[in-house]
Amino acid sequence: MNNCISVQSVQTNDESFARALSITEQRETEIDQLMDKCHAETTTYPDAIASISEELTNANELAYACFHLGAFAESQRSKHKLLYKLLGE
């Protein structure tokens, strides 16, 4: 088992989350497409993460995907809560 972790600091003028994780624009687009595909092919958030993790190459890509899938899942939950309130449930 590997018990060490390497942290890499990269200076960039692009302040996006992906670039902060050293993910290029091209790879970001690829990961976004993978997220759409995995979300459509699975029924739960953990299943979507498990599915996309097989296509990713490092922990930063997984962190990026988890952040975005989690944000999407939370937005869906918030929409459902609002809908339930509007319907009086």
N, C-alpha and C. Protein backbone atom coordinates (compact mmCIF):
# COMPACT_ATOMS: atom_id res chain seq x y z
N MET A 1 0.84 -1.17 0.00
CA MET A 1 0.00 0.00 0.00
C MET A 1 0.89 1.24 0.00
N ASN A 2 0.50 2.23 -0.79
CA ASN A 2 1.24 3.48 -0.88
C ASN A 2 0.76 4.41 0.24
N ASN A 3 1.66 4.77 1.15
CA ASN A 3 1.29 5.59 2.30
C ASN A 3 1.71 7.04 2.16
N CYS A 4 1.98 7.49 0.96
CA CYS A 4 2.36 8.89 0.80
C CYS A 4 1.44 9.56 -0.22
N ILE A 5 1.38 10.86 -0.11
CA ILE A 5 0.55 11.64 -1.01
C ILE A 5 1.39 12.79 -1.55
N SER A 6 1.25 13.05 -2.81
CA SER A 6 1.96 14.16 -3.44
C SER A 6 0.98 15.28 -3.71
N VAL A 7 1.36 16.49 -3.36
CA VAL A 7 0.53 17.66 -3.61
C VAL A 7 1.28 18.54 -4.58
N GLN A 8 0.59 18.95 -5.62
CA GLN A 8 1.21 19.77 -6.65
C GLN A 8 0.51 21.11 -6.71
N SER A 9 1.28 22.17 -6.67
CA SER A 9 0.74 23.52 -6.78
C SER A 9 1.02 24.03 -8.18
N VAL A 10 -0.03 24.53 -8.83
CA VAL A 10 0.10 25.02 -10.19
C VAL A 10 -0.43 26.44 -10.24
N GLN A 11 0.37 27.35 -10.77
CA GLN A 11 -0.09 28.73 -10.92
C GLN A 11 -0.84 28.85 -12.23
N THR A 12 -1.98 29.51 -12.20
CA THR A 12 -2.78 29.69 -13.40
C THR A 12 -3.57 30.99 -13.31
N ASN A 13 -3.80 31.60 -14.43
CA ASN A 13 -4.64 32.80 -14.47
C ASN A 13 -6.11 32.43 -14.53
N ASP A 14 -6.40 31.21 -14.92
CA ASP A 14 -7.77 30.71 -14.98
C ASP A 14 -8.14 30.22 -13.59
N GLU A 15 -9.11 30.85 -12.98
CA GLU A 15 -9.45 30.52 -11.60
C GLU A 15 -10.61 29.54 -11.48
N SER A 16 -10.79 28.69 -12.48
CA SER A 16 -11.87 27.71 -12.41
C SER A 16 -11.48 26.56 -11.47
N PHE A 17 -12.48 25.87 -11.00
CA PHE A 17 -12.27 24.74 -10.10
C PHE A 17 -11.45 23.66 -10.80
N ALA A 18 -11.74 23.40 -12.07
CA ALA A 18 -11.02 22.37 -12.81
C ALA A 18 -9.54 22.72 -12.93
N ARG A 19 -9.24 23.96 -13.29
CA ARG A 19 -7.83 24.35 -13.42
C ARG A 19 -7.12 24.32 -12.09
N ALA A 20 -7.81 24.65 -11.01
CA ALA A 20 -7.20 24.55 -9.68
C ALA A 20 -6.81 23.11 -9.37
N LEU A 21 -7.52 22.17 -9.97
CA LEU A 21 -7.22 20.75 -9.78
C LEU A 21 -6.30 20.21 -10.88
N SER A 22 -5.74 21.11 -11.67
CA SER A 22 -4.84 20.75 -12.79
C SER A 22 -5.52 19.91 -13.86
N ILE A 23 -6.79 20.21 -14.11
CA ILE A 23 -7.55 19.53 -15.16
C ILE A 23 -7.66 20.50 -16.34
N THR A 24 -7.21 20.07 -17.49
CA THR A 24 -7.24 20.93 -18.67
C THR A 24 -8.67 21.16 -19.15
N GLU A 25 -8.85 22.18 -19.99
CA GLU A 25 -10.18 22.45 -20.53
C GLU A 25 -10.72 21.26 -21.32
N GLN A 26 -9.84 20.63 -22.10
CA GLN A 26 -10.27 19.46 -22.88
C GLN A 26 -10.70 18.32 -21.97
N ARG A 27 -9.90 18.05 -20.93
CA ARG A 27 -10.25 16.96 -20.02
C ARG A 27 -11.50 17.30 -19.22
N GLU A 28 -11.67 18.57 -18.88
CA GLU A 28 -12.87 19.00 -18.17
C GLU A 28 -14.11 18.68 -19.01
N THR A 29 -14.04 18.99 -20.29
CA THR A 29 -15.15 18.69 -21.20
C THR A 29 -15.42 17.19 -21.25
N GLU A 30 -14.36 16.39 -21.33
CA GLU A 30 -14.51 14.94 -21.35
C GLU A 30 -15.17 14.44 -20.06
N ILE A 31 -14.72 14.97 -18.93
CA ILE A 31 -15.29 14.55 -17.64
C ILE A 31 -16.75 14.97 -17.54
N ASP A 32 -17.08 16.18 -18.01
CA ASP A 32 -18.47 16.64 -18.00
C ASP A 32 -19.35 15.69 -18.82
N GLN A 33 -18.85 15.25 -19.97
CA GLN A 33 -19.61 14.31 -20.80
C GLN A 33 -19.75 12.95 -20.10
N LEU A 34 -18.69 12.52 -19.43
CA LEU A 34 -18.75 11.26 -18.66
C LEU A 34 -19.77 11.37 -17.53
N MET A 35 -19.81 12.53 -16.86
CA MET A 35 -20.78 12.72 -15.78
C MET A 35 -22.20 12.60 -16.31
N ASP A 36 -22.48 13.24 -17.45
CA ASP A 36 -23.81 13.15 -18.05
C ASP A 36 -24.15 11.70 -18.37
N LYS A 37 -23.20 10.99 -18.97
CA LYS A 37 -23.41 9.59 -19.35
C LYS A 37 -23.65 8.72 -18.12
N CYS A 38 -22.79 8.84 -17.11
CA CYS A 38 -22.91 8.00 -15.92
C CYS A 38 -24.17 8.32 -15.13
N HIS A 39 -24.55 9.60 -15.09
CA HIS A 39 -25.77 9.98 -14.39
C HIS A 39 -26.99 9.38 -15.09
N ALA A 40 -26.98 9.41 -16.42
CA ALA A 40 -28.10 8.87 -17.18
C ALA A 40 -28.21 7.35 -17.07
N GLU A 41 -27.06 6.68 -16.92
CA GLU A 41 -27.05 5.21 -16.91
C GLU A 41 -27.21 4.59 -15.52
N THR A 42 -27.25 5.41 -14.48
CA THR A 42 -27.38 4.88 -13.12
C THR A 42 -28.58 5.52 -12.44
N THR A 43 -28.93 4.98 -11.27
CA THR A 43 -30.11 5.49 -10.57
C THR A 43 -29.78 6.17 -9.24
N THR A 44 -28.55 6.03 -8.77
CA THR A 44 -28.19 6.66 -7.50
C THR A 44 -26.87 7.42 -7.64
N TYR A 45 -26.69 8.37 -6.74
CA TYR A 45 -25.45 9.14 -6.71
C TYR A 45 -24.23 8.24 -6.50
N PRO A 46 -24.23 7.32 -5.52
CA PRO A 46 -23.07 6.43 -5.35
C PRO A 46 -22.79 5.58 -6.59
N ASP A 47 -23.85 5.12 -7.26
CA ASP A 47 -23.64 4.34 -8.48
C ASP A 47 -23.02 5.18 -9.59
N ALA A 48 -23.44 6.43 -9.70
CA ALA A 48 -22.87 7.32 -10.71
C ALA A 48 -21.38 7.57 -10.43
N ILE A 49 -21.04 7.76 -9.16
CA ILE A 49 -19.63 7.97 -8.79
C ILE A 49 -18.82 6.71 -9.08
N ALA A 50 -19.36 5.56 -8.72
CA ALA A 50 -18.64 4.30 -8.98
C ALA A 50 -18.43 4.11 -10.47
N SER A 51 -19.44 4.43 -11.25
CA SER A 51 -19.34 4.27 -12.70
C SER A 51 -18.31 5.21 -13.30
N ILE A 52 -18.34 6.48 -12.92
CA ILE A 52 -17.41 7.44 -13.51
C ILE A 52 -15.99 7.20 -13.02
N SER A 53 -15.84 6.69 -11.81
CA SER A 53 -14.48 6.48 -11.27
C SER A 53 -13.67 5.51 -12.13
N GLU A 54 -14.35 4.62 -12.83
CA GLU A 54 -13.66 3.67 -13.70
C GLU A 54 -13.05 4.34 -14.93
N GLU A 55 -13.52 5.55 -15.24
CA GLU A 55 -13.06 6.26 -16.43
C GLU A 55 -12.07 7.39 -16.11
N LEU A 56 -11.84 7.66 -14.84
CA LEU A 56 -10.98 8.77 -14.43
C LEU A 56 -9.56 8.30 -14.18
N THR A 57 -8.61 9.23 -14.26
CA THR A 57 -7.20 8.84 -14.18
C THR A 57 -6.51 9.22 -12.88
N ASN A 58 -7.13 10.09 -12.07
CA ASN A 58 -6.47 10.47 -10.82
C ASN A 58 -7.48 11.01 -9.81
N ALA A 59 -7.02 11.25 -8.61
CA ALA A 59 -7.89 11.69 -7.51
C ALA A 59 -8.48 13.07 -7.77
N ASN A 60 -7.74 13.94 -8.45
CA ASN A 60 -8.28 15.28 -8.75
C ASN A 60 -9.48 15.19 -9.67
N GLU A 61 -9.42 14.33 -10.66
CA GLU A 61 -10.56 14.15 -11.54
C GLU A 61 -11.76 13.60 -10.78
N LEU A 62 -11.50 12.67 -9.87
CA LEU A 62 -12.59 12.12 -9.06
C LEU A 62 -13.18 13.19 -8.15
N ALA A 63 -12.33 14.02 -7.55
CA ALA A 63 -12.81 15.11 -6.69
C ALA A 63 -13.68 16.07 -7.50
N TYR A 64 -13.25 16.40 -8.71
CA TYR A 64 -14.02 17.28 -9.58
C TYR A 64 -15.39 16.67 -9.88
N ALA A 65 -15.41 15.41 -10.25
CA ALA A 65 -16.67 14.74 -10.58
C ALA A 65 -17.58 14.63 -9.36
N CYS A 66 -17.02 14.26 -8.23
CA CYS A 66 -17.83 14.14 -7.00
C CYS A 66 -18.44 15.47 -6.61
N PHE A 67 -17.66 16.53 -6.71
CA PHE A 67 -18.16 17.87 -6.38
C PHE A 67 -19.36 18.22 -7.26
N HIS A 68 -19.21 18.03 -8.56
CA HIS A 68 -20.28 18.40 -9.47
C HIS A 68 -21.49 17.48 -9.37
N LEU A 69 -21.27 16.18 -9.24
CA LEU A 69 -22.40 15.27 -9.07
C LEU A 69 -23.12 15.54 -7.76
N GLY A 70 -22.36 15.85 -6.71
CA GLY A 70 -22.96 16.17 -5.42
C GLY A 70 -23.77 17.45 -5.47
N ALA A 71 -23.24 18.46 -6.16
CA ALA A 71 -23.96 19.73 -6.30
C ALA A 71 -25.26 19.51 -7.08
N PHE A 72 -25.19 18.69 -8.12
CA PHE A 72 -26.39 18.39 -8.90
C PHE A 72 -27.42 17.65 -8.05
N ALA A 73 -26.96 16.66 -7.29
CA ALA A 73 -27.87 15.89 -6.44
C ALA A 73 -28.55 16.80 -5.42
N GLU A 74 -27.79 17.72 -4.84
CA GLU A 74 -28.35 18.64 -3.85
C GLU A 74 -29.36 19.59 -4.50
N SER A 75 -29.07 20.05 -5.70
CA SER A 75 -30.02 20.95 -6.38
C SER A 75 -31.33 20.22 -6.68
N GLN A 76 -31.23 18.95 -7.03
CA GLN A 76 -32.44 18.16 -7.29
C GLN A 76 -33.24 17.97 -6.00
N ARG A 77 -32.53 17.72 -4.90
CA ARG A 77 -33.22 17.55 -3.61
C ARG A 77 -33.91 18.84 -3.20
N SER A 78 -33.24 19.97 -3.42
CA SER A 78 -33.83 21.27 -3.08
C SER A 78 -35.08 21.53 -3.92
N LYS A 79 -35.03 21.17 -5.20
CA LYS A 79 -36.19 21.34 -6.08
C LYS A 79 -37.36 20.50 -5.58
N HIS A 80 -37.07 19.26 -5.16
CA HIS A 80 -38.14 18.39 -4.66
C HIS A 80 -38.73 18.93 -3.37
N LYS A 81 -37.89 19.45 -2.48
CA LYS A 81 -38.39 20.03 -1.24
C LYS A 81 -39.32 21.21 -1.53
N LEU A 82 -38.91 22.06 -2.46
CA LEU A 82 -39.73 23.20 -2.83
C LEU A 82 -41.06 22.74 -3.43
N LEU A 83 -41.00 21.75 -4.30
CA LEU A 83 -42.21 21.22 -4.92
C LEU A 83 -43.16 20.66 -3.87
N TYR A 84 -42.62 19.91 -2.89
CA TYR A 84 -43.45 19.37 -1.82
C TYR A 84 -44.10 20.48 -1.01
N LYS A 85 -43.38 21.55 -0.75
CA LYS A 85 -43.95 22.68 0.00
C LYS A 85 -45.07 23.33 -0.81
N LEU A 86 -44.84 23.50 -2.12
CA LEU A 86 -45.86 24.11 -2.95
C LEU A 86 -47.12 23.26 -3.05
N LEU A 87 -46.93 21.94 -3.00
CA LEU A 87 -48.07 21.03 -3.07
C LEU A 87 -48.71 20.78 -1.71
N GLY A 88 -48.11 21.33 -0.66
CA GLY A 88 -48.65 21.18 0.68
C GLY A 88 -48.43 19.82 1.29
N GLU A 89 -47.38 19.15 0.89
CA GLU A 89 -47.10 17.81 1.43
C GLU A 89 -46.10 17.88 2.53
